[in-house]
PDB file of N, CA and C in Angstrom:
ATOM      1  N   HIS A   1     -29.508   8.244  -1.107  1.00  0.00           N
ATOM      2  CA  HIS A   1     -29.331   8.442  -2.536  1.00  0.00           C
ATOM      3  C   HIS A   1     -28.142   7.634  -3.021  1.00  0.00           C
ATOM      4  N   ASP A   2     -28.280   7.085  -4.221  1.00  0.00           N
ATOM      5  CA  ASP A   2     -27.156   6.392  -4.832  1.00  0.00           C
ATOM      6  C   ASP A   2     -26.179   7.406  -5.404  1.00  0.00           C
ATOM      7  N   ILE A   3     -24.901   7.090  -5.316  1.00  0.00           N
ATOM      8  CA  ILE A   3     -23.866   7.949  -5.878  1.00  0.00           C
ATOM      9  C   ILE A   3     -23.297   7.255  -7.100  1.00  0.00           C
ATOM     10  N   VAL A   4     -23.207   7.987  -8.192  1.00  0.00           N
ATOM     11  CA  VAL A   4     -22.660   7.457  -9.431  1.00  0.00           C
ATOM     12  C   VAL A   4     -21.404   8.243  -9.764  1.00  0.00           C
ATOM     13  N   ILE A   5     -20.304   7.539  -9.993  1.00  0.00           N
ATOM     14  CA  ILE A   5     -19.056   8.186 -10.380  1.00  0.00           C
ATOM     15  C   ILE A   5     -18.993   8.209 -11.898  1.00  0.00           C
ATOM     16  N   ILE A   6     -18.836   9.393 -12.442  1.00  0.00           N
ATOM     17  CA  ILE A   6     -18.725   9.542 -13.891  1.00  0.00           C
ATOM     18  C   ILE A   6     -17.305   9.995 -14.192  1.00  0.00           C
ATOM     19  N   VAL A   7     -16.596   9.187 -14.948  1.00  0.00           N
ATOM     20  CA  VAL A   7     -15.217   9.499 -15.310  1.00  0.00           C
ATOM     21  C   VAL A   7     -15.223   9.989 -16.744  1.00  0.00           C
ATOM     22  N   ASP A   8     -14.778  11.240 -16.947  1.00  0.00           N
ATOM     23  CA  ASP A   8     -14.846  11.812 -18.277  1.00  0.00           C
ATOM     24  C   ASP A   8     -13.481  11.984 -18.944  1.00  0.00           C
ATOM     25  N   SER A   9     -12.451  11.451 -18.335  1.00  0.00           N
ATOM     26  CA  SER A   9     -11.133  11.536 -18.966  1.00  0.00           C
ATOM     27  C   SER A   9     -10.241  10.405 -18.467  1.00  0.00           C
ATOM     28  N   GLU A  10      -9.246  10.077 -19.275  1.00  0.00           N
ATOM     29  CA  GLU A  10      -8.288   9.036 -18.888  1.00  0.00           C
ATOM     30  C   GLU A  10      -7.519   9.461 -17.641  1.00  0.00           C
ATOM     31  N   ALA A  11      -7.200  10.756 -17.523  1.00  0.00           N
ATOM     32  CA  ALA A  11      -6.467  11.254 -16.354  1.00  0.00           C
ATOM     33  C   ALA A  11      -7.274  11.044 -15.080  1.00  0.00           C
ATOM     34  N   ALA A  12      -8.575  11.296 -15.151  1.00  0.00           N
ATOM     35  CA  ALA A  12      -9.426  11.088 -13.977  1.00  0.00           C
ATOM     36  C   ALA A  12      -9.505   9.616 -13.623  1.00  0.00           C
ATOM     37  N   LEU A  13      -9.593   8.755 -14.625  1.00  0.00           N
ATOM     38  CA  LEU A  13      -9.627   7.315 -14.392  1.00  0.00           C
ATOM     39  C   LEU A  13      -8.332   6.845 -13.747  1.00  0.00           C
ATOM     40  N   ASN A  14      -7.190   7.317 -14.247  1.00  0.00           N
ATOM     41  CA  ASN A  14      -5.897   6.915 -13.687  1.00  0.00           C
ATOM     42  C   ASN A  14      -5.777   7.293 -12.215  1.00  0.00           C
ATOM     43  N   ALA A  15      -6.413   8.378 -11.803  1.00  0.00           N
ATOM     44  CA  ALA A  15      -6.358   8.794 -10.400  1.00  0.00           C
ATOM     45  C   ALA A  15      -7.082   7.796  -9.503  1.00  0.00           C
ATOM     46  N   LEU A  16      -8.006   7.025 -10.052  1.00  0.00           N
ATOM     47  CA  LEU A  16      -8.764   6.046  -9.283  1.00  0.00           C
ATOM     48  C   LEU A  16      -8.103   4.670  -9.251  1.00  0.00           C
ATOM     49  N   VAL A  17      -7.131   4.442 -10.137  1.00  0.00           N
ATOM     50  CA  VAL A  17      -6.522   3.119 -10.292  1.00  0.00           C
ATOM     51  C   VAL A  17      -5.391   2.925  -9.293  1.00  0.00           C
ATOM     52  N   ARG A  18      -5.375   1.750  -8.681  1.00  0.00           N
ATOM     53  CA  ARG A  18      -4.360   1.380  -7.683  1.00  0.00           C
ATOM     54  C   ARG A  18      -3.391   0.391  -8.307  1.00  0.00           C
ATOM     55  N   CYS A  19      -2.109   0.505  -7.986  1.00  0.00           N
ATOM     56  CA  CYS A  19      -1.115  -0.468  -8.432  1.00  0.00           C
ATOM     57  C   CYS A  19      -1.332  -1.760  -7.652  1.00  0.00           C
ATOM     58  N   ASP A  20      -1.514  -2.860  -8.368  1.00  0.00           N
ATOM     59  CA  ASP A  20      -1.746  -4.140  -7.706  1.00  0.00           C
ATOM     60  C   ASP A  20      -0.462  -4.763  -7.168  1.00  0.00           C
ATOM     61  N   GLY A  21       0.664  -4.108  -7.402  1.00  0.00           N
ATOM     62  CA  GLY A  21       1.926  -4.574  -6.840  1.00  0.00           C
ATOM     63  C   GLY A  21       2.216  -3.902  -5.504  1.00  0.00           C
ATOM     64  N   TRP A  22       2.329  -2.585  -5.516  1.00  0.00           N
ATOM     65  CA  TRP A  22       2.639  -1.808  -4.316  1.00  0.00           C
ATOM     66  C   TRP A  22       1.401  -1.442  -3.526  1.00  0.00           C
ATOM     67  N   GLY A  23       0.269  -1.356  -4.205  1.00  0.00           N
ATOM     68  CA  GLY A  23      -0.949  -0.923  -3.540  1.00  0.00           C
ATOM     69  C   GLY A  23      -1.094   0.586  -3.504  1.00  0.00           C
ATOM     70  N   ILE A  24      -0.232   1.325  -4.221  1.00  0.00           N
ATOM     71  CA  ILE A  24      -0.294   2.786  -4.195  1.00  0.00           C
ATOM     72  C   ILE A  24      -1.351   3.311  -5.160  1.00  0.00           C
ATOM     73  N   ARG A  25      -1.901   4.457  -4.791  1.00  0.00           N
ATOM     74  CA  ARG A  25      -2.855   5.147  -5.647  1.00  0.00           C
ATOM     75  C   ARG A  25      -2.647   6.632  -5.444  1.00  0.00           C
ATOM     76  N   PRO A  26      -2.553   7.428  -6.468  1.00  0.00           N
ATOM     77  CA  PRO A  26      -2.625   7.066  -7.883  1.00  0.00           C
ATOM     78  C   PRO A  26      -1.285   6.542  -8.390  1.00  0.00           C
ATOM     79  N   ILE A  27      -1.331   5.889  -9.524  1.00  0.00           N
ATOM     80  CA  ILE A  27      -0.113   5.439 -10.193  1.00  0.00           C
ATOM     81  C   ILE A  27       0.508   6.649 -10.872  1.00  0.00           C
ATOM     82  N   LEU A  28       1.794   6.882 -10.613  1.00  0.00           N
ATOM     83  CA  LEU A  28       2.512   7.987 -11.232  1.00  0.00           C
ATOM     84  C   LEU A  28       3.440   7.428 -12.302  1.00  0.00           C
ATOM     85  N   GLY A  29       3.751   8.221 -13.303  1.00  0.00           N
ATOM     86  CA  GLY A  29       4.616   7.754 -14.385  1.00  0.00           C
ATOM     87  C   GLY A  29       3.791   7.070 -15.447  1.00  0.00           C
ATOM     88  N   THR A  30       4.031   5.793 -15.660  1.00  0.00           N
ATOM     89  CA  THR A  30       3.280   5.021 -16.647  1.00  0.00           C
ATOM     90  C   THR A  30       2.499   3.928 -15.952  1.00  0.00           C
ATOM     91  N   ARG A  31       1.241   3.803 -16.315  1.00  0.00           N
ATOM     92  CA  ARG A  31       0.377   2.736 -15.797  1.00  0.00           C
ATOM     93  C   ARG A  31       0.406   1.586 -16.792  1.00  0.00           C
ATOM     94  N   TYR A  32       0.591   0.369 -16.299  1.00  0.00           N
ATOM     95  CA  TYR A  32       0.591  -0.821 -17.153  1.00  0.00           C
ATOM     96  C   TYR A  32      -0.644  -1.644 -16.824  1.00  0.00           C
ATOM     97  N   ARG A  33      -1.515  -1.772 -17.817  1.00  0.00           N
ATOM     98  CA  ARG A  33      -2.771  -2.496 -17.648  1.00  0.00           C
ATOM     99  C   ARG A  33      -2.683  -3.831 -18.370  1.00  0.00           C
ATOM    100  N   CYS A  34      -2.998  -4.925 -17.668  1.00  0.00           N
ATOM    101  CA  CYS A  34      -2.994  -6.251 -18.278  1.00  0.00           C
ATOM    102  C   CYS A  34      -4.121  -6.319 -19.303  1.00  0.00           C
ATOM    103  N   ASN A  35      -3.798  -6.803 -20.501  1.00  0.00           N
ATOM    104  CA  ASN A  35      -4.786  -6.909 -21.571  1.00  0.00           C
ATOM    105  C   ASN A  35      -5.712  -8.110 -21.403  1.00  0.00           C
ATOM    106  N   THR A  36      -5.385  -9.010 -20.493  1.00  0.00           N
ATOM    107  CA  THR A  36      -6.168 -10.226 -20.298  1.00  0.00           C
ATOM    108  C   THR A  36      -6.972 -10.197 -19.008  1.00  0.00           C
ATOM    109  N   CYS A  37      -6.342  -9.824 -17.909  1.00  0.00           N
ATOM    110  CA  CYS A  37      -6.993  -9.843 -16.597  1.00  0.00           C
ATOM    111  C   CYS A  37      -7.882  -8.616 -16.404  1.00  0.00           C
ATOM    112  N   TYR A  38      -8.947  -8.809 -15.651  1.00  0.00           N
ATOM    113  CA  TYR A  38      -9.822  -7.699 -15.307  1.00  0.00           C
ATOM    114  C   TYR A  38      -9.196  -6.892 -14.172  1.00  0.00           C
ATOM    115  N   ALA A  39      -9.012  -5.605 -14.387  1.00  0.00           N
ATOM    116  CA  ALA A  39      -8.535  -4.674 -13.354  1.00  0.00           C
ATOM    117  C   ALA A  39      -7.211  -5.114 -12.723  1.00  0.00           C
ATOM    118  N   PHE A  40      -6.233  -5.446 -13.549  1.00  0.00           N
ATOM    119  CA  PHE A  40      -4.896  -5.762 -13.054  1.00  0.00           C
ATOM    120  C   PHE A  40      -3.956  -4.713 -13.621  1.00  0.00           C
ATOM    121  N   ASP A  41      -3.529  -3.792 -12.761  1.00  0.00           N
ATOM    122  CA  ASP A  41      -2.699  -2.660 -13.167  1.00  0.00           C
ATOM    123  C   ASP A  41      -1.437  -2.613 -12.317  1.00  0.00           C
ATOM    124  N   LEU A  42      -0.349  -2.200 -12.957  1.00  0.00           N
ATOM    125  CA  LEU A  42       0.928  -2.072 -12.270  1.00  0.00           C
ATOM    126  C   LEU A  42       1.540  -0.708 -12.541  1.00  0.00           C
ATOM    127  N   CYS A  43       2.289  -0.203 -11.573  1.00  0.00           N
ATOM    128  CA  CYS A  43       3.083   0.997 -11.806  1.00  0.00           C
ATOM    129  C   CYS A  43       4.331   0.576 -12.574  1.00  0.00           C
ATOM    130  N   GLU A  44       5.109   1.544 -12.998  1.00  0.00           N
ATOM    131  CA  GLU A  44       6.292   1.255 -13.805  1.00  0.00           C
ATOM    132  C   GLU A  44       7.310   0.398 -13.051  1.00  0.00           C
ATOM    133  N   THR A  45       7.489   0.667 -11.770  1.00  0.00           N
ATOM    134  CA  THR A  45       8.443  -0.102 -10.961  1.00  0.00           C
ATOM    135  C   THR A  45       8.056  -1.572 -10.882  1.00  0.00           C
ATOM    136  N   CYS A  46       6.793  -1.852 -10.590  1.00  0.00           N
ATOM    137  CA  CYS A  46       6.328  -3.244 -10.483  1.00  0.00           C
ATOM    138  C   CYS A  46       6.355  -3.935 -11.839  1.00  0.00           C
ATOM    139  N   TYR A  47       5.993  -3.212 -12.884  1.00  0.00           N
ATOM    140  CA  TYR A  47       6.012  -3.789 -14.227  1.00  0.00           C
ATOM    141  C   TYR A  47       7.425  -4.242 -14.595  1.00  0.00           C
ATOM    142  N   LYS A  48       8.416  -3.405 -14.288  1.00  0.00           N
ATOM    143  CA  LYS A  48       9.816  -3.771 -14.594  1.00  0.00           C
ATOM    144  C   LYS A  48      10.227  -5.006 -13.812  1.00  0.00           C
ATOM    145  N   LYS A  49       9.767  -5.138 -12.570  1.00  0.00           N
ATOM    146  CA  LYS A  49      10.073  -6.333 -11.772  1.00  0.00           C
ATOM    147  C   LYS A  49       9.487  -7.577 -12.415  1.00  0.00           C
ATOM    148  N   VAL A  50       8.242  -7.465 -12.904  1.00  0.00           N
ATOM    149  CA  VAL A  50       7.601  -8.592 -13.576  1.00  0.00           C
ATOM    150  C   VAL A  50       8.388  -8.961 -14.827  1.00  0.00           C
ATOM    151  N   GLU A  51       8.802  -7.957 -15.603  1.00  0.00           N
ATOM    152  CA  GLU A  51       9.559  -8.193 -16.829  1.00  0.00           C
ATOM    153  C   GLU A  51      10.905  -8.851 -16.550  1.00  0.00           C
ATOM    154  N   GLN A  52      11.502  -8.553 -15.404  1.00  0.00           N
ATOM    155  CA  GLN A  52      12.803  -9.117 -15.030  1.00  0.00           C
ATOM    156  C   GLN A  52      12.659 -10.453 -14.314  1.00  0.00           C
ATOM    157  N   GLY A  53      11.432 -10.930 -14.164  1.00  0.00           N
ATOM    158  CA  GLY A  53      11.210 -12.219 -13.520  1.00  0.00           C
ATOM    159  C   GLY A  53      11.108 -12.149 -12.014  1.00  0.00           C
ATOM    160  N   GLU A  54      11.139 -10.958 -11.440  1.00  0.00           N
ATOM    161  CA  GLU A  54      10.998 -10.778  -9.993  1.00  0.00           C
ATOM    162  C   GLU A  54       9.519 -10.626  -9.685  1.00  0.00           C
ATOM    163  N   TYR A  55       8.793 -11.723  -9.746  1.00  0.00           N
ATOM    164  CA  TYR A  55       7.341 -11.667  -9.655  1.00  0.00           C
ATOM    165  C   TYR A  55       6.859 -11.861  -8.229  1.00  0.00           C
ATOM    166  N   VAL A  56       7.355 -11.035  -7.331  1.00  0.00           N
ATOM    167  CA  VAL A  56       6.888 -11.086  -5.949  1.00  0.00           C
ATOM    168  C   VAL A  56       6.198  -9.761  -5.674  1.00  0.00           C
ATOM    169  N   LEU A  57       4.906  -9.719  -5.933  1.00  0.00           N
ATOM    170  CA  LEU A  57       4.131  -8.510  -5.719  1.00  0.00           C
ATOM    171  C   LEU A  57       3.421  -8.643  -4.378  1.00  0.00           C
ATOM    172  N   GLN A  58       3.833  -7.849  -3.429  1.00  0.00           N
ATOM    173  CA  GLN A  58       3.391  -8.011  -2.044  1.00  0.00           C
ATOM    174  C   GLN A  58       1.927  -7.667  -1.807  1.00  0.00           C
ATOM    175  N   GLN A  59       1.390  -6.657  -2.469  1.00  0.00           N
ATOM    176  CA  GLN A  59       0.057  -6.162  -2.133  1.00  0.00           C
ATOM    177  C   GLN A  59      -1.068  -6.787  -2.948  1.00  0.00           C
ATOM    178  N   VAL A  60      -0.738  -7.480  -4.011  1.00  0.00           N
ATOM    179  CA  VAL A  60      -1.775  -7.996  -4.898  1.00  0.00           C
ATOM    180  C   VAL A  60      -2.593  -9.081  -4.202  1.00  0.00           C
ATOM    181  N   SER A  61      -3.890  -9.080  -4.469  1.00  0.00           N
ATOM    182  CA  SER A  61      -4.746 -10.088  -3.838  1.00  0.00           C
ATOM    183  C   SER A  61      -4.432 -11.468  -4.398  1.00  0.00           C
ATOM    184  N   GLN A  62      -4.686 -12.492  -3.630  1.00  0.00           N
ATOM    185  CA  GLN A  62      -4.400 -13.859  -4.063  1.00  0.00           C
ATOM    186  C   GLN A  62      -5.217 -14.220  -5.299  1.00  0.00           C
ATOM    187  N   LYS A  63      -6.452 -13.732  -5.380  1.00  0.00           N
ATOM    188  CA  LYS A  63      -7.292 -14.029  -6.532  1.00  0.00           C
ATOM    189  C   LYS A  63      -6.702 -13.429  -7.805  1.00  0.00           C
ATOM    190  N   LYS A  64      -6.309 -12.154  -7.745  1.00  0.00           N
ATOM    191  CA  LYS A  64      -5.719 -11.508  -8.919  1.00  0.00           C
ATOM    192  C   LYS A  64      -4.408 -12.177  -9.293  1.00  0.00           C
ATOM    193  N   LEU A  65      -3.611 -12.527  -8.313  1.00  0.00           N
ATOM    194  CA  LEU A  65      -2.333 -13.174  -8.584  1.00  0.00           C
ATOM    195  C   LEU A  65      -2.546 -14.529  -9.244  1.00  0.00           C
ATOM    196  N   ALA A  66      -3.555 -15.265  -8.806  1.00  0.00           N
ATOM    197  CA  ALA A  66      -3.841 -16.573  -9.388  1.00  0.00           C
ATOM    198  C   ALA A  66      -4.339 -16.456 -10.817  1.00  0.00           C
ATOM    199  N   GLU A  67      -5.079 -15.388 -11.128  1.00  0.00           N
ATOM    200  CA  GLU A  67      -5.618 -15.196 -12.472  1.00  0.00           C
ATOM    201  C   GLU A  67      -4.575 -14.669 -13.449  1.00  0.00           C
ATOM    202  N   HIS A  68      -3.606 -13.908 -12.949  1.00  0.00           N
ATOM    203  CA  HIS A  68      -2.620 -13.298 -13.840  1.00  0.00           C
ATOM    204  C   HIS A  68      -1.505 -14.282 -14.192  1.00  0.00           C
ATOM    205  N   ASN A  69      -1.067 -14.231 -15.419  1.00  0.00           N
ATOM    206  CA  ASN A  69       0.002 -15.084 -15.920  1.00  0.00           C
ATOM    207  C   ASN A  69       1.080 -14.177 -16.500  1.00  0.00           C
ATOM    208  N   ARG A  70       2.329 -14.473 -16.248  1.00  0.00           N
ATOM    209  CA  ARG A  70       3.422 -13.624 -16.736  1.00  0.00           C
ATOM    210  C   ARG A  70       3.452 -13.505 -18.248  1.00  0.00           C
ATOM    211  N   SER A  71       2.802 -14.406 -18.966  1.00  0.00           N
ATOM    212  CA  SER A  71       2.795 -14.328 -20.426  1.00  0.00           C
ATOM    213  C   SER A  71       1.781 -13.308 -20.949  1.00  0.00           C
ATOM    214  N   HIS A  72       0.919 -12.779 -20.089  1.00  0.00           N
ATOM    215  CA  HIS A  72      -0.077 -11.793 -20.522  1.00  0.00           C
ATOM    216  C   HIS A  72       0.608 -10.506 -20.970  1.00  0.00           C
ATOM    217  N   ALA A  73       0.090  -9.930 -22.023  1.00  0.00           N
ATOM    218  CA  ALA A  73       0.614  -8.654 -22.529  1.00  0.00           C
ATOM    219  C   ALA A  73      -0.013  -7.494 -21.749  1.00  0.00           C
ATOM    220  N   PHE A  74       0.711  -6.394 -21.677  1.00  0.00           N
ATOM    221  CA  PHE A  74       0.257  -5.185 -21.007  1.00  0.00           C
ATOM    222  C   PHE A  74       0.150  -4.041 -22.006  1.00  0.00           C
ATOM    223  N   SER A  75      -0.730  -3.100 -21.712  1.00  0.00           N
ATOM    224  CA  SER A  75      -0.800  -1.835 -22.434  1.00  0.00           C
ATOM    225  C   SER A  75      -0.189  -0.779 -21.539  1.00  0.00           C
ATOM    226  N   ALA A  76       0.708   0.037 -22.104  1.00  0.00           N
ATOM    227  CA  ALA A  76       1.319   1.137 -21.364  1.00  0.00           C
ATOM    228  C   ALA A  76       0.451   2.368 -21.548  1.00  0.00           C
ATOM    229  N   ILE A  77       0.037   2.969 -20.434  1.00  0.00           N
ATOM    230  CA  ILE A  77      -0.806   4.157 -20.457  1.00  0.00           C
ATOM    231  C   ILE A  77      -0.064   5.270 -19.737  1.00  0.00           C
ATOM    232  N   PRO A  78       0.466   6.265 -20.481  1.00  0.00           N
ATOM    233  CA  PRO A  78       1.140   7.380 -19.805  1.00  0.00           C
ATOM    234  C   PRO A  78       0.154   8.116 -18.909  1.00  0.00           C
ATOM    235  N   VAL A  79       0.573   8.420 -17.713  1.00  0.00           N
ATOM    236  CA  VAL A  79      -0.289   9.109 -16.758  1.00  0.00           C
ATOM    237  C   VAL A  79       0.083  10.579 -16.749  1.00  0.00           C
ATOM    238  N   SER A  80      -0.895  11.399 -17.030  1.00  0.00           N
ATOM    239  CA  SER A  80      -0.673  12.846 -16.968  1.00  0.00           C
ATOM    240  C   SER A  80      -1.455  13.418 -15.811  1.00  0.00           C
ATOM    241  N   ALA A  81      -0.946  14.480 -15.283  1.00  0.00           N
ATOM    242  CA  ALA A  81      -1.593  15.098 -14.121  1.00  0.00           C
ATOM    243  C   ALA A  81      -2.850  15.841 -14.499  1.00  0.00           C
TER     244      ALA A  81
END
């Protein structure tokens, strides 16, 4: 049988999202989603590093890193339990 995941709330969706910087899941605090790249999300710690120019994200895949540009804007999504 095929399994279909139905997400009915932002909180449930956030539990499935992994930080592309640290690789942690779920993201706690604030989730930062790139408005340009597909499925590029950062936790608050990694987002601050990007903002400060410390763009060394260890866990991010090479493809995502190549597609993402530091000039891309992010949306801040507060994560609630």
